[in-house]
Amino acid sequence: MTNKYWPRQFQEMASDPVPVSLINEPLPPDNVIPLPRPAHSLHAVLCDALTSNRGLLQRLELGVTAPPGEARVAVRELYVQIRRTVAVLSRCLELPDLE
């Protein structure tokens, strides 16, 4: 068994300029992974999504040329879903205790 993580005597620490510990060990053990930190708050992500969806909705409302048939049906479905998404995102941002 190794004494790697056991407290050392002062003389041992003084002779080693950079003592190895869990904090400064060159490589972590195989079963250790870093946990990702959320980059932004939920409120910020929802605001960003609302802004993007409003921009897309505005572009769709200005007019989109689509050939008749499946393309026109897809654009219409996109328009309807974006309107619903904007409405839901707006309601979520109005919630008082979100996050």
PDB file of N, CA and C in Angstrom:
ATOM      1  N   MET A   1       0.841  -1.180   0.000  1.00  0.00           N
ATOM      2  CA  MET A   1       0.000   0.000   0.000  1.00  0.00           C
ATOM      3  C   MET A   1       0.885   1.241   0.000  1.00  0.00           C
ATOM      4  N   THR A   2       0.482   2.232  -0.719  1.00  0.00           N
ATOM      5  CA  THR A   2       1.270   3.451  -0.846  1.00  0.00           C
ATOM      6  C   THR A   2       0.871   4.470   0.220  1.00  0.00           C
ATOM      7  N   ASN A   3       1.791   5.304   0.591  1.00  0.00           N
ATOM      8  CA  ASN A   3       1.528   6.370   1.561  1.00  0.00           C
ATOM      9  C   ASN A   3       1.277   7.691   0.856  1.00  0.00           C
ATOM     10  N   LYS A   4       0.863   7.632  -0.365  1.00  0.00           N
ATOM     11  CA  LYS A   4       0.708   8.826  -1.200  1.00  0.00           C
ATOM     12  C   LYS A   4      -0.246   9.849  -0.602  1.00  0.00           C
ATOM     13  N   TYR A   5      -1.329   9.417  -0.007  1.00  0.00           N
ATOM     14  CA  TYR A   5      -2.346  10.334   0.494  1.00  0.00           C
ATOM     15  C   TYR A   5      -2.398  10.391   2.022  1.00  0.00           C
ATOM     16  N   TRP A   6      -1.365   9.917   2.660  1.00  0.00           N
ATOM     17  CA  TRP A   6      -1.309   9.983   4.114  1.00  0.00           C
ATOM     18  C   TRP A   6      -0.524  11.213   4.530  1.00  0.00           C
ATOM     19  N   PRO A   7      -0.868  11.816   5.655  1.00  0.00           N
ATOM     20  CA  PRO A   7      -0.103  12.994   6.102  1.00  0.00           C
ATOM     21  C   PRO A   7       1.369  12.648   6.281  1.00  0.00           C
ATOM     22  N   ARG A   8       2.207  13.591   5.890  1.00  0.00           N
ATOM     23  CA  ARG A   8       3.649  13.377   6.009  1.00  0.00           C
ATOM     24  C   ARG A   8       4.206  14.250   7.123  1.00  0.00           C
ATOM     25  N   GLN A   9       5.397  13.898   7.523  1.00  0.00           N
ATOM     26  CA  GLN A   9       6.089  14.689   8.538  1.00  0.00           C
ATOM     27  C   GLN A   9       6.578  15.988   7.911  1.00  0.00           C
ATOM     28  N   PHE A  10       6.807  16.980   8.753  1.00  0.00           N
ATOM     29  CA  PHE A  10       7.250  18.285   8.262  1.00  0.00           C
ATOM     30  C   PHE A  10       8.568  18.167   7.501  1.00  0.00           C
ATOM     31  N   GLN A  11       9.497  17.344   7.961  1.00  0.00           N
ATOM     32  CA  GLN A  11      10.791  17.191   7.295  1.00  0.00           C
ATOM     33  C   GLN A  11      10.618  16.634   5.882  1.00  0.00           C
ATOM     34  N   GLU A  12       9.688  15.703   5.721  1.00  0.00           N
ATOM     35  CA  GLU A  12       9.433  15.144   4.392  1.00  0.00           C
ATOM     36  C   GLU A  12       8.855  16.200   3.457  1.00  0.00           C
ATOM     37  N   MET A  13       7.945  17.023   3.975  1.00  0.00           N
ATOM     38  CA  MET A  13       7.335  18.057   3.148  1.00  0.00           C
ATOM     39  C   MET A  13       8.342  19.143   2.793  1.00  0.00           C
ATOM     40  N   ALA A  14       9.235  19.477   3.718  1.00  0.00           N
ATOM     41  CA  ALA A  14      10.228  20.515   3.465  1.00  0.00           C
ATOM     42  C   ALA A  14      11.227  20.072   2.403  1.00  0.00           C
ATOM     43  N   SER A  15      11.522  18.791   2.325  1.00  0.00           N
ATOM     44  CA  SER A  15      12.487  18.315   1.330  1.00  0.00           C
ATOM     45  C   SER A  15      11.874  18.199  -0.064  1.00  0.00           C
ATOM     46  N   ASP A  16      10.555  18.142  -0.178  1.00  0.00           N
ATOM     47  CA  ASP A  16       9.871  18.015  -1.465  1.00  0.00           C
ATOM     48  C   ASP A  16       9.281  19.377  -1.840  1.00  0.00           C
ATOM     49  N   PRO A  17       9.809  20.052  -2.890  1.00  0.00           N
ATOM     50  CA  PRO A  17       9.315  21.389  -3.222  1.00  0.00           C
ATOM     51  C   PRO A  17       7.842  21.396  -3.653  1.00  0.00           C
ATOM     52  N   VAL A  18       7.381  20.343  -4.330  1.00  0.00           N
ATOM     53  CA  VAL A  18       5.973  20.260  -4.739  1.00  0.00           C
ATOM     54  C   VAL A  18       5.447  18.898  -4.309  1.00  0.00           C
ATOM     55  N   PRO A  19       4.919  18.813  -3.095  1.00  0.00           N
ATOM     56  CA  PRO A  19       4.420  17.512  -2.650  1.00  0.00           C
ATOM     57  C   PRO A  19       3.183  17.104  -3.443  1.00  0.00           C
ATOM     58  N   VAL A  20       3.095  15.827  -3.753  1.00  0.00           N
ATOM     59  CA  VAL A  20       1.958  15.305  -4.507  1.00  0.00           C
ATOM     60  C   VAL A  20       0.784  15.116  -3.547  1.00  0.00           C
ATOM     61  N   SER A  21      -0.364  15.633  -3.953  1.00  0.00           N
ATOM     62  CA  SER A  21      -1.584  15.457  -3.174  1.00  0.00           C
ATOM     63  C   SER A  21      -2.738  15.256  -4.145  1.00  0.00           C
ATOM     64  N   LEU A  22      -3.936  15.119  -3.620  1.00  0.00           N
ATOM     65  CA  LEU A  22      -5.101  14.990  -4.499  1.00  0.00           C
ATOM     66  C   LEU A  22      -5.304  16.239  -5.334  1.00  0.00           C
ATOM     67  N   ILE A  23      -4.902  17.393  -4.820  1.00  0.00           N
ATOM     68  CA  ILE A  23      -5.140  18.656  -5.519  1.00  0.00           C
ATOM     69  C   ILE A  23      -4.181  18.853  -6.684  1.00  0.00           C
ATOM     70  N   ASN A  24      -2.907  18.562  -6.496  1.00  0.00           N
ATOM     71  CA  ASN A  24      -1.940  18.844  -7.556  1.00  0.00           C
ATOM     72  C   ASN A  24      -1.394  17.591  -8.230  1.00  0.00           C
ATOM     73  N   GLU A  25      -2.077  16.492  -8.103  1.00  0.00           N
ATOM     74  CA  GLU A  25      -1.655  15.270  -8.770  1.00  0.00           C
ATOM     75  C   GLU A  25      -1.721  15.482 -10.277  1.00  0.00           C
ATOM     76  N   PRO A  26      -0.696  15.046 -11.031  1.00  0.00           N
ATOM     77  CA  PRO A  26      -0.667  15.314 -12.473  1.00  0.00           C
ATOM     78  C   PRO A  26      -1.910  14.804 -13.213  1.00  0.00           C
ATOM     79  N   LEU A  27      -2.339  13.607 -12.957  1.00  0.00           N
ATOM     80  CA  LEU A  27      -3.523  13.050 -13.610  1.00  0.00           C
ATOM     81  C   LEU A  27      -4.473  12.515 -12.550  1.00  0.00           C
ATOM     82  N   PRO A  28      -5.760  12.808 -12.691  1.00  0.00           N
ATOM     83  CA  PRO A  28      -6.710  12.266 -11.713  1.00  0.00           C
ATOM     84  C   PRO A  28      -6.878  10.764 -11.915  1.00  0.00           C
ATOM     85  N   PRO A  29      -7.372  10.076 -10.906  1.00  0.00           N
ATOM     86  CA  PRO A  29      -7.636   8.638 -11.077  1.00  0.00           C
ATOM     87  C   PRO A  29      -8.628   8.398 -12.212  1.00  0.00           C
ATOM     88  N   ASP A  30      -8.667   7.185 -12.717  1.00  0.00           N
ATOM     89  CA  ASP A  30      -9.512   6.841 -13.862  1.00  0.00           C
ATOM     90  C   ASP A  30     -11.004   7.020 -13.581  1.00  0.00           C
ATOM     91  N   ASN A  31     -11.402   6.907 -12.323  1.00  0.00           N
ATOM     92  CA  ASN A  31     -12.828   6.994 -12.016  1.00  0.00           C
ATOM     93  C   ASN A  31     -13.271   8.419 -11.684  1.00  0.00           C
ATOM     94  N   VAL A  32     -12.446   9.420 -11.971  1.00  0.00           N
ATOM     95  CA  VAL A  32     -12.773  10.816 -11.677  1.00  0.00           C
ATOM     96  C   VAL A  32     -12.935  11.579 -12.986  1.00  0.00           C
ATOM     97  N   ILE A  33     -14.065  12.272 -13.117  1.00  0.00           N
ATOM     98  CA  ILE A  33     -14.294  13.114 -14.288  1.00  0.00           C
ATOM     99  C   ILE A  33     -14.748  14.492 -13.808  1.00  0.00           C
ATOM    100  N   PRO A  34     -14.427  15.540 -14.545  1.00  0.00           N
ATOM    101  CA  PRO A  34     -14.893  16.865 -14.136  1.00  0.00           C
ATOM    102  C   PRO A  34     -16.388  17.016 -14.422  1.00  0.00           C
ATOM    103  N   LEU A  35     -17.084  17.697 -13.547  1.00  0.00           N
ATOM    104  CA  LEU A  35     -18.503  17.952 -13.761  1.00  0.00           C
ATOM    105  C   LEU A  35     -18.659  19.232 -14.560  1.00  0.00           C
ATOM    106  N   PRO A  36     -19.476  19.218 -15.595  1.00  0.00           N
ATOM    107  CA  PRO A  36     -19.660  20.441 -16.378  1.00  0.00           C
ATOM    108  C   PRO A  36     -20.435  21.477 -15.579  1.00  0.00           C
ATOM    109  N   ARG A  37     -19.997  22.713 -15.671  1.00  0.00           N
ATOM    110  CA  ARG A  37     -20.707  23.805 -15.025  1.00  0.00           C
ATOM    111  C   ARG A  37     -21.654  24.416 -16.040  1.00  0.00           C
ATOM    112  N   PRO A  38     -22.878  24.697 -15.627  1.00  0.00           N
ATOM    113  CA  PRO A  38     -23.775  25.364 -16.569  1.00  0.00           C
ATOM    114  C   PRO A  38     -23.202  26.719 -16.949  1.00  0.00           C
ATOM    115  N   ALA A  39     -23.173  26.983 -18.240  1.00  0.00           N
ATOM    116  CA  ALA A  39     -22.583  28.231 -18.721  1.00  0.00           C
ATOM    117  C   ALA A  39     -23.473  29.425 -18.411  1.00  0.00           C
ATOM    118  N   HIS A  40     -24.758  29.247 -18.502  1.00  0.00           N
ATOM    119  CA  HIS A  40     -25.689  30.355 -18.303  1.00  0.00           C
ATOM    120  C   HIS A  40     -26.840  29.897 -17.428  1.00  0.00           C
ATOM    121  N   SER A  41     -27.502  30.847 -16.833  1.00  0.00           N
ATOM    122  CA  SER A  41     -28.681  30.514 -16.035  1.00  0.00           C
ATOM    123  C   SER A  41     -29.815  30.089 -16.975  1.00  0.00           C
ATOM    124  N   LEU A  42     -30.792  29.441 -16.395  1.00  0.00           N
ATOM    125  CA  LEU A  42     -31.950  29.016 -17.185  1.00  0.00           C
ATOM    126  C   LEU A  42     -32.660  30.233 -17.767  1.00  0.00           C
ATOM    127  N   HIS A  43     -32.744  31.299 -16.997  1.00  0.00           N
ATOM    128  CA  HIS A  43     -33.401  32.523 -17.472  1.00  0.00           C
ATOM    129  C   HIS A  43     -32.685  33.061 -18.710  1.00  0.00           C
ATOM    130  N   ALA A  44     -31.349  33.069 -18.691  1.00  0.00           N
ATOM    131  CA  ALA A  44     -30.590  33.566 -19.839  1.00  0.00           C
ATOM    132  C   ALA A  44     -30.794  32.691 -21.071  1.00  0.00           C
ATOM    133  N   VAL A  45     -30.832  31.387 -20.869  1.00  0.00           N
ATOM    134  CA  VAL A  45     -31.046  30.465 -22.001  1.00  0.00           C
ATOM    135  C   VAL A  45     -32.440  30.665 -22.590  1.00  0.00           C
ATOM    136  N   LEU A  46     -33.446  30.830 -21.729  1.00  0.00           N
ATOM    137  CA  LEU A  46     -34.805  31.053 -22.222  1.00  0.00           C
ATOM    138  C   LEU A  46     -34.919  32.383 -22.959  1.00  0.00           C
ATOM    139  N   CYS A  47     -34.256  33.423 -22.451  1.00  0.00           N
ATOM    140  CA  CYS A  47     -34.260  34.722 -23.142  1.00  0.00           C
ATOM    141  C   CYS A  47     -33.625  34.602 -24.526  1.00  0.00           C
ATOM    142  N   ASP A  48     -32.513  33.874 -24.600  1.00  0.00           N
ATOM    143  CA  ASP A  48     -31.841  33.683 -25.880  1.00  0.00           C
ATOM    144  C   ASP A  48     -32.729  32.907 -26.853  1.00  0.00           C
ATOM    145  N   ALA A  49     -33.373  31.865 -26.357  1.00  0.00           N
ATOM    146  CA  ALA A  49     -34.268  31.074 -27.211  1.00  0.00           C
ATOM    147  C   ALA A  49     -35.451  31.912 -27.687  1.00  0.00           C
ATOM    148  N   LEU A  50     -36.007  32.741 -26.802  1.00  0.00           N
ATOM    149  CA  LEU A  50     -37.136  33.589 -27.177  1.00  0.00           C
ATOM    150  C   LEU A  50     -36.717  34.595 -28.247  1.00  0.00           C
ATOM    151  N   THR A  51     -35.553  35.186 -28.085  1.00  0.00           N
ATOM    152  CA  THR A  51     -35.068  36.145 -29.078  1.00  0.00           C
ATOM    153  C   THR A  51     -34.882  35.484 -30.438  1.00  0.00           C
ATOM    154  N   SER A  52     -34.268  34.305 -30.442  1.00  0.00           N
ATOM    155  CA  SER A  52     -34.041  33.586 -31.704  1.00  0.00           C
ATOM    156  C   SER A  52     -35.366  33.213 -32.375  1.00  0.00           C
ATOM    157  N   ASN A  53     -36.296  32.716 -31.581  1.00  0.00           N
ATOM    158  CA  ASN A  53     -37.586  32.302 -32.148  1.00  0.00           C
ATOM    159  C   ASN A  53     -38.393  33.490 -32.635  1.00  0.00           C
ATOM    160  N   ARG A  54     -38.313  34.609 -31.923  1.00  0.00           N
ATOM    161  CA  ARG A  54     -39.008  35.806 -32.403  1.00  0.00           C
ATOM    162  C   ARG A  54     -38.423  36.280 -33.733  1.00  0.00           C
ATOM    163  N   GLY A  55     -37.099  36.190 -33.868  1.00  0.00           N
ATOM    164  CA  GLY A  55     -36.468  36.560 -35.134  1.00  0.00           C
ATOM    165  C   GLY A  55     -36.930  35.673 -36.273  1.00  0.00           C
ATOM    166  N   LEU A  56     -37.002  34.374 -36.022  1.00  0.00           N
ATOM    167  CA  LEU A  56     -37.478  33.446 -37.049  1.00  0.00           C
ATOM    168  C   LEU A  56     -38.942  33.705 -37.371  1.00  0.00           C
ATOM    169  N   LEU A  57     -39.746  33.963 -36.349  1.00  0.00           N
ATOM    170  CA  LEU A  57     -41.161  34.251 -36.571  1.00  0.00           C
ATOM    171  C   LEU A  57     -41.331  35.520 -37.417  1.00  0.00           C
ATOM    172  N   GLN A  58     -40.552  36.533 -37.097  1.00  0.00           N
ATOM    173  CA  GLN A  58     -40.629  37.775 -37.873  1.00  0.00           C
ATOM    174  C   GLN A  58     -40.244  37.520 -39.323  1.00  0.00           C
ATOM    175  N   ARG A  59     -39.212  36.729 -39.541  1.00  0.00           N
ATOM    176  CA  ARG A  59     -38.798  36.409 -40.915  1.00  0.00           C
ATOM    177  C   ARG A  59     -39.883  35.643 -41.651  1.00  0.00           C
ATOM    178  N   LEU A  60     -40.519  34.704 -40.982  1.00  0.00           N
ATOM    179  CA  LEU A  60     -41.601  33.942 -41.616  1.00  0.00           C
ATOM    180  C   LEU A  60     -42.802  34.830 -41.916  1.00  0.00           C
ATOM    181  N   GLU A  61     -43.089  35.776 -41.029  1.00  0.00           N
ATOM    182  CA  GLU A  61     -44.228  36.672 -41.247  1.00  0.00           C
ATOM    183  C   GLU A  61     -43.982  37.668 -42.372  1.00  0.00           C
ATOM    184  N   LEU A  62     -42.715  37.937 -42.682  1.00  0.00           N
ATOM    185  CA  LEU A  62     -42.410  38.822 -43.810  1.00  0.00           C
ATOM    186  C   LEU A  62     -42.697  38.143 -45.142  1.00  0.00           C
ATOM    187  N   GLY A  63     -42.773  36.835 -45.110  1.00  0.00           N
ATOM    188  CA  GLY A  63     -43.108  36.099 -46.327  1.00  0.00           C
ATOM    189  C   GLY A  63     -42.028  35.128 -46.729  1.00  0.00           C
ATOM    190  N   VAL A  64     -42.450  33.935 -47.065  1.00  0.00           N
ATOM    191  CA  VAL A  64     -41.548  32.884 -47.513  1.00  0.00           C
ATOM    192  C   VAL A  64     -42.137  32.297 -48.775  1.00  0.00           C
ATOM    193  N   THR A  65     -41.309  32.162 -49.776  1.00  0.00           N
ATOM    194  CA  THR A  65     -41.762  31.554 -51.027  1.00  0.00           C
ATOM    195  C   THR A  65     -41.456  30.060 -50.976  1.00  0.00           C
ATOM    196  N   ALA A  66     -42.502  29.270 -51.113  1.00  0.00           N
ATOM    197  CA  ALA A  66     -42.343  27.818 -51.096  1.00  0.00           C
ATOM    198  C   ALA A  66     -43.200  27.235 -52.204  1.00  0.00           C
ATOM    199  N   PRO A  67     -42.694  26.248 -52.905  1.00  0.00           N
ATOM    200  CA  PRO A  67     -43.503  25.633 -53.959  1.00  0.00           C
ATOM    201  C   PRO A  67     -44.692  24.903 -53.351  1.00  0.00           C
ATOM    202  N   PRO A  68     -45.758  24.777 -54.134  1.00  0.00           N
ATOM    203  CA  PRO A  68     -46.937  24.067 -53.612  1.00  0.00           C
ATOM    204  C   PRO A  68     -46.591  22.621 -53.280  1.00  0.00           C
ATOM    205  N   GLY A  69     -47.344  22.095 -52.361  1.00  0.00           N
ATOM    206  CA  GLY A  69     -47.142  20.700 -51.990  1.00  0.00           C
ATOM    207  C   GLY A  69     -46.507  20.573 -50.618  1.00  0.00           C
ATOM    208  N   GLU A  70     -45.604  19.617 -50.512  1.00  0.00           N
ATOM    209  CA  GLU A  70     -45.004  19.272 -49.228  1.00  0.00           C
ATOM    210  C   GLU A  70     -44.203  20.424 -48.624  1.00  0.00           C
ATOM    211  N   ALA A  71     -43.504  21.196 -49.435  1.00  0.00           N
ATOM    212  CA  ALA A  71     -42.694  22.314 -48.920  1.00  0.00           C
ATOM    213  C   ALA A  71     -43.583  23.370 -48.280  1.00  0.00           C
ATOM    214  N   ARG A  72     -44.691  23.679 -48.912  1.00  0.00           N
ATOM    215  CA  ARG A  72     -45.603  24.689 -48.371  1.00  0.00           C
ATOM    216  C   ARG A  72     -46.229  24.208 -47.061  1.00  0.00           C
ATOM    217  N   VAL A  73     -46.558  22.925 -46.985  1.00  0.00           N
ATOM    218  CA  VAL A  73     -47.120  22.357 -45.752  1.00  0.00           C
ATOM    219  C   VAL A  73     -46.073  22.416 -44.632  1.00  0.00           C
ATOM    220  N   ALA A  74     -44.829  22.105 -44.946  1.00  0.00           N
ATOM    221  CA  ALA A  74     -43.760  22.130 -43.939  1.00  0.00           C
ATOM    222  C   ALA A  74     -43.530  23.541 -43.409  1.00  0.00           C
ATOM    223  N   VAL A  75     -43.526  24.542 -44.303  1.00  0.00           N
ATOM    224  CA  VAL A  75     -43.334  25.926 -43.880  1.00  0.00           C
ATOM    225  C   VAL A  75     -44.504  26.378 -43.014  1.00  0.00           C
ATOM    226  N   ARG A  76     -45.707  25.983 -43.365  1.00  0.00           N
ATOM    227  CA  ARG A  76     -46.875  26.338 -42.565  1.00  0.00           C
ATOM    228  C   ARG A  76     -46.797  25.717 -41.176  1.00  0.00           C
ATOM    229  N   GLU A  77     -46.399  24.448 -41.097  1.00  0.00           N
ATOM    230  CA  GLU A  77     -46.237  23.788 -39.796  1.00  0.00           C
ATOM    231  C   GLU A  77     -45.150  24.465 -38.972  1.00  0.00           C
ATOM    232  N   LEU A  78     -44.064  24.857 -39.623  1.00  0.00           N
ATOM    233  CA  LEU A  78     -42.986  25.569 -38.938  1.00  0.00           C
ATOM    234  C   LEU A  78     -43.499  26.879 -38.359  1.00  0.00           C
ATOM    235  N   TYR A  79     -44.265  27.616 -39.134  1.00  0.00           N
ATOM    236  CA  TYR A  79     -44.819  28.889 -38.683  1.00  0.00           C
ATOM    237  C   TYR A  79     -45.709  28.692 -37.450  1.00  0.00           C
ATOM    238  N   VAL A  80     -46.574  27.701 -37.500  1.00  0.00           N
ATOM    239  CA  VAL A  80     -47.487  27.445 -36.384  1.00  0.00           C
ATOM    240  C   VAL A  80     -46.698  27.046 -35.129  1.00  0.00           C
ATOM    241  N   GLN A  81     -45.708  26.172 -35.282  1.00  0.00           N
ATOM    242  CA  GLN A  81     -44.928  25.720 -34.129  1.00  0.00           C
ATOM    243  C   GLN A  81     -44.078  26.847 -33.543  1.00  0.00           C
ATOM    244  N   ILE A  82     -43.531  27.704 -34.376  1.00  0.00           N
ATOM    245  CA  ILE A  82     -42.735  28.828 -33.884  1.00  0.00           C
ATOM    246  C   ILE A  82     -43.622  29.795 -33.102  1.00  0.00           C
ATOM    247  N   ARG A  83     -44.832  30.042 -33.589  1.00  0.00           N
ATOM    248  CA  ARG A  83     -45.763  30.908 -32.838  1.00  0.00           C
ATOM    249  C   ARG A  83     -46.067  30.313 -31.470  1.00  0.00           C
ATOM    250  N   ARG A  84     -46.296  29.009 -31.428  1.00  0.00           N
ATOM    251  CA  ARG A  84     -46.560  28.349 -30.140  1.00  0.00           C
ATOM    252  C   ARG A  84     -45.332  28.405 -29.232  1.00  0.00           C
ATOM    253  N   THR A  85     -44.164  28.195 -29.802  1.00  0.00           N
ATOM    254  CA  THR A  85     -42.925  28.232 -29.023  1.00  0.00           C
ATOM    255  C   THR A  85     -42.700  29.609 -28.417  1.00  0.00           C
ATOM    256  N   VAL A  86     -42.915  30.655 -29.208  1.00  0.00           N
ATOM    257  CA  VAL A  86     -42.768  32.021 -28.698  1.00  0.00           C
ATOM    258  C   VAL A  86     -43.739  32.263 -27.555  1.00  0.00           C
ATOM    259  N   ALA A  87     -44.963  31.794 -27.683  1.00  0.00           N
ATOM    260  CA  ALA A  87     -45.955  31.981 -26.627  1.00  0.00           C
ATOM    261  C   ALA A  87     -45.550  31.250 -25.351  1.00  0.00           C
ATOM    262  N   VAL A  88     -45.069  30.016 -25.475  1.00  0.00           N
ATOM    263  CA  VAL A  88     -44.682  29.227 -24.304  1.00  0.00           C
ATOM    264  C   VAL A  88     -43.445  29.825 -23.637  1.00  0.00           C
ATOM    265  N   LEU A  89     -42.465  30.223 -24.427  1.00  0.00           N
ATOM    266  CA  LEU A  89     -41.261  30.841 -23.851  1.00  0.00           C
ATOM    267  C   LEU A  89     -41.605  32.134 -23.118  1.00  0.00           C
ATOM    268  N   SER A  90     -42.499  32.919 -23.680  1.00  0.00           N
ATOM    269  CA  SER A  90     -42.922  34.156 -23.024  1.00  0.00           C
ATOM    270  C   SER A  90     -43.594  33.867 -21.689  1.00  0.00           C
ATOM    271  N   ARG A  91     -44.450  32.843 -21.657  1.00  0.00           N
ATOM    272  CA  ARG A  91     -45.112  32.475 -20.398  1.00  0.00           C
ATOM    273  C   ARG A  91     -44.110  31.975 -19.371  1.00  0.00           C
ATOM    274  N   CYS A  92     -43.123  31.182 -19.810  1.00  0.00           N
ATOM    275  CA  CYS A  92     -42.110  30.662 -18.880  1.00  0.00           C
ATOM    276  C   CYS A  92     -41.293  31.802 -18.258  1.00  0.00           C
ATOM    277  N   LEU A  93     -40.976  32.790 -19.044  1.00  0.00           N
ATOM    278  CA  LEU A  93     -40.186  33.902 -18.514  1.00  0.00           C
ATOM    279  C   LEU A  93     -40.984  34.779 -17.547  1.00  0.00           C
ATOM    280  N   GLU A  94     -42.300  34.674 -17.584  1.00  0.00           N
ATOM    281  CA  GLU A  94     -43.135  35.426 -16.646  1.00  0.00           C
ATOM    282  C   GLU A  94     -43.318  34.711 -15.313  1.00  0.00           C
ATOM    283  N   LEU A  95     -42.902  33.459 -15.221  1.00  0.00           N
ATOM    284  CA  LEU A  95     -43.049  32.709 -13.974  1.00  0.00           C
ATOM    285  C   LEU A  95     -42.146  33.313 -12.903  1.00  0.00           C
ATOM    286  N   PRO A  96     -42.659  33.511 -11.700  1.00  0.00           N
ATOM    287  CA  PRO A  96     -41.867  34.201 -10.672  1.00  0.00           C
ATOM    288  C   PRO A  96     -40.748  33.361 -10.071  1.00  0.00           C
ATOM    289  N   ASP A  97     -40.954  32.073  -9.884  1.00  0.00           N
ATOM    290  CA  ASP A  97     -39.975  31.241  -9.186  1.00  0.00           C
ATOM    291  C   ASP A  97     -39.302  30.235 -10.100  1.00  0.00           C
ATOM    292  N   LEU A  98     -38.939  30.671 -11.275  1.00  0.00           N
ATOM    293  CA  LEU A  98     -38.282  29.765 -12.227  1.00  0.00           C
ATOM    294  C   LEU A  98     -36.808  29.678 -11.894  1.00  0.00           C
ATOM    295  N   GLU A  99     -36.310  28.464 -11.784  1.00  0.00           N
ATOM    296  CA  GLU A  99     -34.902  28.148 -11.557  1.00  0.00           C
ATOM    297  C   GLU A  99     -34.660  27.664 -10.210  1.00  0.00           C
TER     298      GLU A  99
END
